[in-house]
Amino acid sequence: MKKRIISVLAILFCCCAAVFAEETGNAEAVKDTAAISGAVKYIAAAVAVGVACLAGGLAVGKIGSSAMGAMSENPELSGKALPFVGLAEGICLWGMLVAVLILLL
């Protein structure tokens, strides 16, 4: 098992070294790298917002249904259940904040 892990890490290291290797003295390669990094930035921001909104939607769905079930049995729990729904919606806001930071920095 240890040999397998070490071999996978060695292959991963070689692949990473090939990806991050730079060519010196080529102005076109530098421009292409800048264009690719700009595109990756937009993709990363989209993934941050998308995953956060999906997770927030799933959380609100589960918490909301549980809160409705609890309130149907005991109406006094409505005030205690609503903050948890708000916390789940905050996940989406954090995703948006991360996306804005990715785009600005």
PDB file of N, CA and C in Angstrom:
ATOM      1  N   MET A   1       0.823  -1.193   0.000  1.00  0.00           N
ATOM      2  CA  MET A   1       0.000   0.000   0.000  1.00  0.00           C
ATOM      3  C   MET A   1       0.866   1.256   0.000  1.00  0.00           C
ATOM      4  N   LYS A   2       1.967   1.221   0.799  1.00  0.00           N
ATOM      5  CA  LYS A   2       2.846   2.383   0.849  1.00  0.00           C
ATOM      6  C   LYS A   2       3.527   2.623  -0.493  1.00  0.00           C
ATOM      7  N   LYS A   3       3.909   1.534  -1.149  1.00  0.00           N
ATOM      8  CA  LYS A   3       4.560   1.685  -2.457  1.00  0.00           C
ATOM      9  C   LYS A   3       3.621   2.324  -3.456  1.00  0.00           C
ATOM     10  N   ARG A   4       2.354   1.957  -3.386  1.00  0.00           N
ATOM     11  CA  ARG A   4       1.369   2.515  -4.317  1.00  0.00           C
ATOM     12  C   ARG A   4       1.205   4.022  -4.069  1.00  0.00           C
ATOM     13  N   ILE A   5       1.136   4.424  -2.818  1.00  0.00           N
ATOM     14  CA  ILE A   5       0.983   5.842  -2.487  1.00  0.00           C
ATOM     15  C   ILE A   5       2.206   6.624  -2.928  1.00  0.00           C
ATOM     16  N   ILE A   6       3.385   6.080  -2.687  1.00  0.00           N
ATOM     17  CA  ILE A   6       4.616   6.765  -3.085  1.00  0.00           C
ATOM     18  C   ILE A   6       4.701   6.883  -4.597  1.00  0.00           C
ATOM     19  N   SER A   7       4.310   5.842  -5.324  1.00  0.00           N
ATOM     20  CA  SER A   7       4.365   5.905  -6.785  1.00  0.00           C
ATOM     21  C   SER A   7       3.348   6.904  -7.330  1.00  0.00           C
ATOM     22  N   VAL A   8       2.174   6.970  -6.743  1.00  0.00           N
ATOM     23  CA  VAL A   8       1.176   7.954  -7.180  1.00  0.00           C
ATOM     24  C   VAL A   8       1.674   9.365  -6.909  1.00  0.00           C
ATOM     25  N   LEU A   9       2.281   9.593  -5.749  1.00  0.00           N
ATOM     26  CA  LEU A   9       2.827  10.914  -5.442  1.00  0.00           C
ATOM     27  C   LEU A   9       3.971  11.281  -6.383  1.00  0.00           C
ATOM     28  N   ALA A  10       4.797  10.310  -6.731  1.00  0.00           N
ATOM     29  CA  ALA A  10       5.897  10.584  -7.659  1.00  0.00           C
ATOM     30  C   ALA A  10       5.365  10.958  -9.042  1.00  0.00           C
ATOM     31  N   ILE A  11       4.359  10.247  -9.506  1.00  0.00           N
ATOM     32  CA  ILE A  11       3.757  10.570 -10.814  1.00  0.00           C
ATOM     33  C   ILE A  11       3.107  11.940 -10.768  1.00  0.00           C
ATOM     34  N   LEU A  12       2.408  12.240  -9.668  1.00  0.00           N
ATOM     35  CA  LEU A  12       1.776  13.544  -9.514  1.00  0.00           C
ATOM     36  C   LEU A  12       2.817  14.657  -9.497  1.00  0.00           C
ATOM     37  N   PHE A  13       3.940  14.428  -8.828  1.00  0.00           N
ATOM     38  CA  PHE A  13       5.010  15.418  -8.792  1.00  0.00           C
ATOM     39  C   PHE A  13       5.568  15.672 -10.183  1.00  0.00           C
ATOM     40  N   CYS A  14       5.777  14.611 -10.955  1.00  0.00           N
ATOM     41  CA  CYS A  14       6.299  14.772 -12.319  1.00  0.00           C
ATOM     42  C   CYS A  14       5.329  15.533 -13.199  1.00  0.00           C
ATOM     43  N   CYS A  15       4.039  15.247 -13.046  1.00  0.00           N
ATOM     44  CA  CYS A  15       3.037  15.958 -13.837  1.00  0.00           C
ATOM     45  C   CYS A  15       2.984  17.433 -13.459  1.00  0.00           C
ATOM     46  N   CYS A  16       3.069  17.720 -12.172  1.00  0.00           N
ATOM     47  CA  CYS A  16       3.052  19.110 -11.720  1.00  0.00           C
ATOM     48  C   CYS A  16       4.294  19.854 -12.198  1.00  0.00           C
ATOM     49  N   ALA A  17       5.428  19.183 -12.195  1.00  0.00           N
ATOM     50  CA  ALA A  17       6.655  19.822 -12.669  1.00  0.00           C
ATOM     51  C   ALA A  17       6.535  20.157 -14.149  1.00  0.00           C
ATOM     52  N   ALA A  18       5.920  19.294 -14.933  1.00  0.00           N
ATOM     53  CA  ALA A  18       5.754  19.558 -16.366  1.00  0.00           C
ATOM     54  C   ALA A  18       4.764  20.694 -16.604  1.00  0.00           C
ATOM     55  N   VAL A  19       3.747  20.794 -15.769  1.00  0.00           N
ATOM     56  CA  VAL A  19       2.747  21.843 -15.944  1.00  0.00           C
ATOM     57  C   VAL A  19       3.317  23.207 -15.594  1.00  0.00           C
ATOM     58  N   PHE A  20       4.101  23.278 -14.520  1.00  0.00           N
ATOM     59  CA  PHE A  20       4.589  24.558 -14.054  1.00  0.00           C
ATOM     60  C   PHE A  20       5.947  24.950 -14.648  1.00  0.00           C
ATOM     61  N   ALA A  21       6.490  24.140 -15.509  1.00  0.00           N
ATOM     62  CA  ALA A  21       7.766  24.487 -16.141  1.00  0.00           C
ATOM     63  C   ALA A  21       7.551  25.678 -17.069  1.00  0.00           C
ATOM     64  N   GLU A  22       8.490  26.607 -17.049  1.00  0.00           N
ATOM     65  CA  GLU A  22       8.373  27.807 -17.864  1.00  0.00           C
ATOM     66  C   GLU A  22       9.454  27.838 -18.927  1.00  0.00           C
ATOM     67  N   GLU A  23       9.089  28.481 -19.999  1.00  0.00           N
ATOM     68  CA  GLU A  23      10.032  28.665 -21.090  1.00  0.00           C
ATOM     69  C   GLU A  23      10.510  30.113 -21.021  1.00  0.00           C
ATOM     70  N   THR A  24      11.809  30.352 -21.065  1.00  0.00           N
ATOM     71  CA  THR A  24      12.319  31.712 -20.933  1.00  0.00           C
ATOM     72  C   THR A  24      12.608  32.308 -22.302  1.00  0.00           C
ATOM     73  N   GLY A  25      12.455  33.623 -22.387  1.00  0.00           N
ATOM     74  CA  GLY A  25      12.827  34.339 -23.588  1.00  0.00           C
ATOM     75  C   GLY A  25      11.773  34.363 -24.671  1.00  0.00           C
ATOM     76  N   ASN A  26      10.597  33.870 -24.447  1.00  0.00           N
ATOM     77  CA  ASN A  26       9.576  33.850 -25.467  1.00  0.00           C
ATOM     78  C   ASN A  26       8.445  34.780 -25.047  1.00  0.00           C
ATOM     79  N   ALA A  27       8.312  35.916 -25.739  1.00  0.00           N
ATOM     80  CA  ALA A  27       7.315  36.925 -25.375  1.00  0.00           C
ATOM     81  C   ALA A  27       5.898  36.428 -25.648  1.00  0.00           C
ATOM     82  N   GLU A  28       5.728  35.644 -26.702  1.00  0.00           N
ATOM     83  CA  GLU A  28       4.386  35.129 -27.013  1.00  0.00           C
ATOM     84  C   GLU A  28       3.903  34.159 -25.940  1.00  0.00           C
ATOM     85  N   ALA A  29       4.804  33.380 -25.404  1.00  0.00           N
ATOM     86  CA  ALA A  29       4.423  32.435 -24.353  1.00  0.00           C
ATOM     87  C   ALA A  29       3.974  33.176 -23.108  1.00  0.00           C
ATOM     88  N   VAL A  30       4.608  34.312 -22.830  1.00  0.00           N
ATOM     89  CA  VAL A  30       4.226  35.102 -21.665  1.00  0.00           C
ATOM     90  C   VAL A  30       2.820  35.676 -21.861  1.00  0.00           C
ATOM     91  N   LYS A  31       2.520  36.150 -23.079  1.00  0.00           N
ATOM     92  CA  LYS A  31       1.184  36.679 -23.352  1.00  0.00           C
ATOM     93  C   LYS A  31       0.136  35.576 -23.267  1.00  0.00           C
ATOM     94  N   ASP A  32       0.457  34.393 -23.778  1.00  0.00           N
ATOM     95  CA  ASP A  32      -0.488  33.279 -23.706  1.00  0.00           C
ATOM     96  C   ASP A  32      -0.736  32.861 -22.259  1.00  0.00           C
ATOM     97  N   THR A  33       0.329  32.870 -21.467  1.00  0.00           N
ATOM     98  CA  THR A  33       0.181  32.507 -20.055  1.00  0.00           C
ATOM     99  C   THR A  33      -0.699  33.508 -19.334  1.00  0.00           C
ATOM    100  N   ALA A  34      -0.550  34.800 -19.652  1.00  0.00           N
ATOM    101  CA  ALA A  34      -1.382  35.826 -19.024  1.00  0.00           C
ATOM    102  C   ALA A  34      -2.842  35.653 -19.427  1.00  0.00           C
ATOM    103  N   ALA A  35      -3.092  35.308 -20.679  1.00  0.00           N
ATOM    104  CA  ALA A  35      -4.467  35.098 -21.136  1.00  0.00           C
ATOM    105  C   ALA A  35      -5.092  33.882 -20.467  1.00  0.00           C
ATOM    106  N   ILE A  36      -4.303  32.828 -20.319  1.00  0.00           N
ATOM    107  CA  ILE A  36      -4.818  31.617 -19.683  1.00  0.00           C
ATOM    108  C   ILE A  36      -5.111  31.872 -18.207  1.00  0.00           C
ATOM    109  N   SER A  37      -4.226  32.620 -17.534  1.00  0.00           N
ATOM    110  CA  SER A  37      -4.464  32.886 -16.112  1.00  0.00           C
ATOM    111  C   SER A  37      -5.698  33.764 -15.922  1.00  0.00           C
ATOM    112  N   GLY A  38      -5.971  34.660 -16.859  1.00  0.00           N
ATOM    113  CA  GLY A  38      -7.191  35.464 -16.786  1.00  0.00           C
ATOM    114  C   GLY A  38      -8.425  34.612 -16.960  1.00  0.00           C
ATOM    115  N   ALA A  39      -8.358  33.646 -17.862  1.00  0.00           N
ATOM    116  CA  ALA A  39      -9.495  32.755 -18.079  1.00  0.00           C
ATOM    117  C   ALA A  39      -9.717  31.849 -16.875  1.00  0.00           C
ATOM    118  N   VAL A  40      -8.639  31.372 -16.285  1.00  0.00           N
ATOM    119  CA  VAL A  40      -8.749  30.510 -15.108  1.00  0.00           C
ATOM    120  C   VAL A  40      -9.364  31.278 -13.940  1.00  0.00           C
ATOM    121  N   LYS A  41      -9.071  32.570 -13.865  1.00  0.00           N
ATOM    122  CA  LYS A  41      -9.628  33.387 -12.794  1.00  0.00           C
ATOM    123  C   LYS A  41     -11.153  33.454 -12.896  1.00  0.00           C
ATOM    124  N   TYR A  42     -11.673  33.630 -14.100  1.00  0.00           N
ATOM    125  CA  TYR A  42     -13.122  33.684 -14.289  1.00  0.00           C
ATOM    126  C   TYR A  42     -13.774  32.328 -14.028  1.00  0.00           C
ATOM    127  N   ILE A  43     -13.099  31.273 -14.427  1.00  0.00           N
ATOM    128  CA  ILE A  43     -13.631  29.930 -14.171  1.00  0.00           C
ATOM    129  C   ILE A  43     -13.664  29.649 -12.674  1.00  0.00           C
ATOM    130  N   ALA A  44     -12.609  30.042 -11.959  1.00  0.00           N
ATOM    131  CA  ALA A  44     -12.567  29.827 -10.510  1.00  0.00           C
ATOM    132  C   ALA A  44     -13.666  30.613  -9.808  1.00  0.00           C
ATOM    133  N   ALA A  45     -13.924  31.837 -10.248  1.00  0.00           N
ATOM    134  CA  ALA A  45     -14.991  32.631  -9.638  1.00  0.00           C
ATOM    135  C   ALA A  45     -16.353  31.997  -9.896  1.00  0.00           C
ATOM    136  N   ALA A  46     -16.555  31.496 -11.105  1.00  0.00           N
ATOM    137  CA  ALA A  46     -17.827  30.847 -11.433  1.00  0.00           C
ATOM    138  C   ALA A  46     -18.021  29.577 -10.613  1.00  0.00           C
ATOM    139  N   VAL A  47     -16.965  28.814 -10.435  1.00  0.00           N
ATOM    140  CA  VAL A  47     -17.062  27.583  -9.635  1.00  0.00           C
ATOM    141  C   VAL A  47     -17.346  27.924  -8.176  1.00  0.00           C
ATOM    142  N   ALA A  48     -16.712  28.978  -7.654  1.00  0.00           N
ATOM    143  CA  ALA A  48     -16.940  29.381  -6.262  1.00  0.00           C
ATOM    144  C   ALA A  48     -18.399  29.749  -6.029  1.00  0.00           C
ATOM    145  N   VAL A  49     -18.970  30.537  -6.929  1.00  0.00           N
ATOM    146  CA  VAL A  49     -20.364  30.937  -6.770  1.00  0.00           C
ATOM    147  C   VAL A  49     -21.289  29.748  -6.989  1.00  0.00           C
ATOM    148  N   GLY A  50     -21.003  28.945  -8.004  1.00  0.00           N
ATOM    149  CA  GLY A  50     -21.873  27.812  -8.317  1.00  0.00           C
ATOM    150  C   GLY A  50     -21.929  26.787  -7.200  1.00  0.00           C
ATOM    151  N   VAL A  51     -20.787  26.413  -6.678  1.00  0.00           N
ATOM    152  CA  VAL A  51     -20.762  25.402  -5.607  1.00  0.00           C
ATOM    153  C   VAL A  51     -21.393  25.969  -4.339  1.00  0.00           C
ATOM    154  N   ALA A  52     -21.119  27.231  -4.022  1.00  0.00           N
ATOM    155  CA  ALA A  52     -21.700  27.828  -2.822  1.00  0.00           C
ATOM    156  C   ALA A  52     -23.218  27.918  -2.928  1.00  0.00           C
ATOM    157  N   CYS A  53     -23.721  28.282  -4.095  1.00  0.00           N
ATOM    158  CA  CYS A  53     -25.175  28.386  -4.253  1.00  0.00           C
ATOM    159  C   CYS A  53     -25.841  27.014  -4.235  1.00  0.00           C
ATOM    160  N   LEU A  54     -25.199  26.024  -4.825  1.00  0.00           N
ATOM    161  CA  LEU A  54     -25.765  24.676  -4.751  1.00  0.00           C
ATOM    162  C   LEU A  54     -25.793  24.167  -3.312  1.00  0.00           C
ATOM    163  N   ALA A  55     -24.697  24.371  -2.597  1.00  0.00           N
ATOM    164  CA  ALA A  55     -24.653  23.930  -1.205  1.00  0.00           C
ATOM    165  C   ALA A  55     -25.646  24.700  -0.350  1.00  0.00           C
ATOM    166  N   GLY A  56     -25.763  25.996  -0.594  1.00  0.00           N
ATOM    167  CA  GLY A  56     -26.730  26.797   0.159  1.00  0.00           C
ATOM    168  C   GLY A  56     -28.160  26.375  -0.129  1.00  0.00           C
ATOM    169  N   GLY A  57     -28.458  26.071  -1.387  1.00  0.00           N
ATOM    170  CA  GLY A  57     -29.800  25.609  -1.746  1.00  0.00           C
ATOM    171  C   GLY A  57     -30.140  24.282  -1.096  1.00  0.00           C
ATOM    172  N   LEU A  58     -29.180  23.368  -1.101  1.00  0.00           N
ATOM    173  CA  LEU A  58     -29.416  22.074  -0.436  1.00  0.00           C
ATOM    174  C   LEU A  58     -29.613  22.259   1.065  1.00  0.00           C
ATOM    175  N   ALA A  59     -28.816  23.127   1.672  1.00  0.00           N
ATOM    176  CA  ALA A  59     -28.934  23.356   3.109  1.00  0.00           C
ATOM    177  C   ALA A  59     -30.260  24.004   3.461  1.00  0.00           C
ATOM    178  N   VAL A  60     -30.678  25.003   2.683  1.00  0.00           N
ATOM    179  CA  VAL A  60     -31.954  25.662   2.951  1.00  0.00           C
ATOM    180  C   VAL A  60     -33.111  24.682   2.769  1.00  0.00           C
ATOM    181  N   GLY A  61     -33.017  23.814   1.779  1.00  0.00           N
ATOM    182  CA  GLY A  61     -34.069  22.819   1.564  1.00  0.00           C
ATOM    183  C   GLY A  61     -34.209  21.868   2.739  1.00  0.00           C
ATOM    184  N   LYS A  62     -33.093  21.363   3.208  1.00  0.00           N
ATOM    185  CA  LYS A  62     -33.153  20.420   4.332  1.00  0.00           C
ATOM    186  C   LYS A  62     -33.556  21.109   5.636  1.00  0.00           C
ATOM    187  N   ILE A  63     -32.983  22.275   5.900  1.00  0.00           N
ATOM    188  CA  ILE A  63     -33.309  22.979   7.133  1.00  0.00           C
ATOM    189  C   ILE A  63     -34.748  23.487   7.094  1.00  0.00           C
ATOM    190  N   GLY A  64     -35.165  23.991   5.939  1.00  0.00           N
ATOM    191  CA  GLY A  64     -36.530  24.502   5.827  1.00  0.00           C
ATOM    192  C   GLY A  64     -37.576  23.426   6.025  1.00  0.00           C
ATOM    193  N   SER A  65     -37.353  22.264   5.436  1.00  0.00           N
ATOM    194  CA  SER A  65     -38.331  21.192   5.609  1.00  0.00           C
ATOM    195  C   SER A  65     -38.354  20.696   7.057  1.00  0.00           C
ATOM    196  N   SER A  66     -37.202  20.619   7.670  1.00  0.00           N
ATOM    197  CA  SER A  66     -37.164  20.210   9.087  1.00  0.00           C
ATOM    198  C   SER A  66     -37.823  21.253   9.978  1.00  0.00           C
ATOM    199  N   ALA A  67     -37.593  22.530   9.660  1.00  0.00           N
ATOM    200  CA  ALA A  67     -38.204  23.593  10.459  1.00  0.00           C
ATOM    201  C   ALA A  67     -39.721  23.585  10.315  1.00  0.00           C
ATOM    202  N   MET A  68     -40.215  23.346   9.117  1.00  0.00           N
ATOM    203  CA  MET A  68     -41.663  23.289   8.919  1.00  0.00           C
ATOM    204  C   MET A  68     -42.271  22.107   9.669  1.00  0.00           C
ATOM    205  N   GLY A  69     -41.569  20.983   9.652  1.00  0.00           N
ATOM    206  CA  GLY A  69     -42.053  19.821  10.398  1.00  0.00           C
ATOM    207  C   GLY A  69     -42.083  20.083  11.893  1.00  0.00           C
ATOM    208  N   ALA A  70     -41.062  20.752  12.400  1.00  0.00           N
ATOM    209  CA  ALA A  70     -41.019  21.061  13.824  1.00  0.00           C
ATOM    210  C   ALA A  70     -42.086  22.087  14.194  1.00  0.00           C
ATOM    211  N   MET A  71     -42.318  23.067  13.308  1.00  0.00           N
ATOM    212  CA  MET A  71     -43.327  24.087  13.607  1.00  0.00           C
ATOM    213  C   MET A  71     -44.740  23.528  13.525  1.00  0.00           C
ATOM    214  N   SER A  72     -44.942  22.486  12.707  1.00  0.00           N
ATOM    215  CA  SER A  72     -46.282  21.898  12.654  1.00  0.00           C
ATOM    216  C   SER A  72     -46.612  21.172  13.954  1.00  0.00           C
ATOM    217  N   GLU A  73     -45.598  20.657  14.623  1.00  0.00           N
ATOM    218  CA  GLU A  73     -45.821  19.999  15.905  1.00  0.00           C
ATOM    219  C   GLU A  73     -45.854  20.993  17.063  1.00  0.00           C
ATOM    220  N   ASN A  74     -45.013  22.016  16.981  1.00  0.00           N
ATOM    221  CA  ASN A  74     -44.921  22.995  18.067  1.00  0.00           C
ATOM    222  C   ASN A  74     -44.741  24.383  17.450  1.00  0.00           C
ATOM    223  N   PRO A  75     -45.806  25.189  17.355  1.00  0.00           N
ATOM    224  CA  PRO A  75     -45.712  26.499  16.684  1.00  0.00           C
ATOM    225  C   PRO A  75     -44.759  27.484  17.352  1.00  0.00           C
ATOM    226  N   GLU A  76     -44.387  27.243  18.582  1.00  0.00           N
ATOM    227  CA  GLU A  76     -43.488  28.167  19.263  1.00  0.00           C
ATOM    228  C   GLU A  76     -42.054  28.063  18.771  1.00  0.00           C
ATOM    229  N   LEU A  77     -41.751  27.076  17.960  1.00  0.00           N
ATOM    230  CA  LEU A  77     -40.384  26.886  17.457  1.00  0.00           C
ATOM    231  C   LEU A  77     -40.074  27.730  16.226  1.00  0.00           C
ATOM    232  N   SER A  78     -41.055  28.487  15.728  1.00  0.00           N
ATOM    233  CA  SER A  78     -40.814  29.242  14.496  1.00  0.00           C
ATOM    234  C   SER A  78     -39.705  30.265  14.662  1.00  0.00           C
ATOM    235  N   GLY A  79     -39.634  30.914  15.805  1.00  0.00           N
ATOM    236  CA  GLY A  79     -38.584  31.907  16.033  1.00  0.00           C
ATOM    237  C   GLY A  79     -37.212  31.293  16.176  1.00  0.00           C
ATOM    238  N   LYS A  80     -37.154  30.044  16.587  1.00  0.00           N
ATOM    239  CA  LYS A  80     -35.863  29.380  16.762  1.00  0.00           C
ATOM    240  C   LYS A  80     -35.360  28.744  15.472  1.00  0.00           C
ATOM    241  N   ALA A  81     -36.243  28.477  14.531  1.00  0.00           N
ATOM    242  CA  ALA A  81     -35.849  27.794  13.305  1.00  0.00           C
ATOM    243  C   ALA A  81     -35.390  28.755  12.210  1.00  0.00           C
ATOM    244  N   LEU A  82     -35.938  29.962  12.197  1.00  0.00           N
ATOM    245  CA  LEU A  82     -35.605  30.902  11.125  1.00  0.00           C
ATOM    246  C   LEU A  82     -34.138  31.322  11.093  1.00  0.00           C
ATOM    247  N   PRO A  83     -33.455  31.520  12.216  1.00  0.00           N
ATOM    248  CA  PRO A  83     -32.024  31.871  12.123  1.00  0.00           C
ATOM    249  C   PRO A  83     -31.176  30.800  11.445  1.00  0.00           C
ATOM    250  N   PHE A  84     -31.574  29.548  11.590  1.00  0.00           N
ATOM    251  CA  PHE A  84     -30.799  28.486  10.942  1.00  0.00           C
ATOM    252  C   PHE A  84     -30.939  28.554   9.427  1.00  0.00           C
ATOM    253  N   VAL A  85     -32.102  28.940   8.950  1.00  0.00           N
ATOM    254  CA  VAL A  85     -32.285  29.119   7.500  1.00  0.00           C
ATOM    255  C   VAL A  85     -31.426  30.275   7.014  1.00  0.00           C
ATOM    256  N   GLY A  86     -31.356  31.338   7.805  1.00  0.00           N
ATOM    257  CA  GLY A  86     -30.505  32.475   7.449  1.00  0.00           C
ATOM    258  C   GLY A  86     -29.036  32.107   7.403  1.00  0.00           C
ATOM    259  N   LEU A  87     -28.597  31.249   8.313  1.00  0.00           N
ATOM    260  CA  LEU A  87     -27.200  30.798   8.299  1.00  0.00           C
ATOM    261  C   LEU A  87     -26.908  29.995   7.035  1.00  0.00           C
ATOM    262  N   ALA A  88     -27.866  29.194   6.614  1.00  0.00           N
ATOM    263  CA  ALA A  88     -27.661  28.405   5.396  1.00  0.00           C
ATOM    264  C   ALA A  88     -27.601  29.305   4.168  1.00  0.00           C
ATOM    265  N   GLU A  89     -28.379  30.371   4.161  1.00  0.00           N
ATOM    266  CA  GLU A  89     -28.333  31.311   3.034  1.00  0.00           C
ATOM    267  C   GLU A  89     -27.021  32.090   3.018  1.00  0.00           C
ATOM    268  N   GLY A  90     -26.396  32.218   4.173  1.00  0.00           N
ATOM    269  CA  GLY A  90     -25.112  32.915   4.243  1.00  0.00           C
ATOM    270  C   GLY A  90     -24.007  32.208   3.477  1.00  0.00           C
ATOM    271  N   ILE A  91     -24.178  30.912   3.242  1.00  0.00           N
ATOM    272  CA  ILE A  91     -23.188  30.170   2.456  1.00  0.00           C
ATOM    273  C   ILE A  91     -23.079  30.764   1.055  1.00  0.00           C
ATOM    274  N   CYS A  92     -24.210  31.124   0.485  1.00  0.00           N
ATOM    275  CA  CYS A  92     -24.202  31.718  -0.860  1.00  0.00           C
ATOM    276  C   CYS A  92     -23.485  33.064  -0.862  1.00  0.00           C
ATOM    277  N   LEU A  93     -23.685  33.830   0.188  1.00  0.00           N
ATOM    278  CA  LEU A  93     -23.014  35.127   0.262  1.00  0.00           C
ATOM    279  C   LEU A  93     -21.509  34.976   0.381  1.00  0.00           C
ATOM    280  N   TRP A  94     -21.059  33.959   1.123  1.00  0.00           N
ATOM    281  CA  TRP A  94     -19.618  33.721   1.222  1.00  0.00           C
ATOM    282  C   TRP A  94     -19.047  33.320  -0.132  1.00  0.00           C
ATOM    283  N   GLY A  95     -19.791  32.529  -0.892  1.00  0.00           N
ATOM    284  CA  GLY A  95     -19.337  32.158  -2.228  1.00  0.00           C
ATOM    285  C   GLY A  95     -19.195  33.372  -3.129  1.00  0.00           C
ATOM    286  N   MET A  96     -20.152  34.288  -3.041  1.00  0.00           N
ATOM    287  CA  MET A  96     -20.081  35.512  -3.837  1.00  0.00           C
ATOM    288  C   MET A  96     -18.896  36.369  -3.411  1.00  0.00           C
ATOM    289  N   LEU A  97     -18.642  36.443  -2.113  1.00  0.00           N
ATOM    290  CA  LEU A  97     -17.501  37.211  -1.615  1.00  0.00           C
ATOM    291  C   LEU A  97     -16.186  36.617  -2.110  1.00  0.00           C
ATOM    292  N   VAL A  98     -16.071  35.306  -2.082  1.00  0.00           N
ATOM    293  CA  VAL A  98     -14.858  34.651  -2.576  1.00  0.00           C
ATOM    294  C   VAL A  98     -14.675  34.922  -4.062  1.00  0.00           C
ATOM    295  N   ALA A  99     -15.761  34.892  -4.820  1.00  0.00           N
ATOM    296  CA  ALA A  99     -15.667  35.159  -6.255  1.00  0.00           C
ATOM    297  C   ALA A  99     -15.212  36.592  -6.521  1.00  0.00           C
ATOM    298  N   VAL A 100     -15.740  37.532  -5.769  1.00  0.00           N
ATOM    299  CA  VAL A 100     -15.320  38.934  -5.949  1.00  0.00           C
ATOM    300  C   VAL A 100     -13.838  39.095  -5.608  1.00  0.00           C
ATOM    301  N   LEU A 101     -13.406  38.446  -4.542  1.00  0.00           N
ATOM    302  CA  LEU A 101     -11.984  38.527  -4.184  1.00  0.00           C
ATOM    303  C   LEU A 101     -11.097  37.879  -5.245  1.00  0.00           C
ATOM    304  N   ILE A 102     -11.551  36.786  -5.830  1.00  0.00           N
ATOM    305  CA  ILE A 102     -10.774  36.139  -6.901  1.00  0.00           C
ATOM    306  C   ILE A 102     -10.656  37.079  -8.085  1.00  0.00           C
ATOM    307  N   LEU A 103     -11.746  37.740  -8.443  1.00  0.00           N
ATOM    308  CA  LEU A 103     -11.723  38.619  -9.609  1.00  0.00           C
ATOM    309  C   LEU A 103     -10.904  39.889  -9.365  1.00  0.00           C
ATOM    310  N   LEU A 104     -10.919  40.384  -8.141  1.00  0.00           N
ATOM    311  CA  LEU A 104     -10.186  41.626  -7.868  1.00  0.00           C
ATOM    312  C   LEU A 104      -8.703  41.416  -7.635  1.00  0.00           C
ATOM    313  N   LEU A 105      -8.332  40.260  -7.101  1.00  0.00           N
ATOM    314  CA  LEU A 105      -6.922  40.052  -6.768  1.00  0.00           C
ATOM    315  C   LEU A 105      -6.213  39.224  -7.775  1.00  0.00           C
TER     316      LEU A 105
END
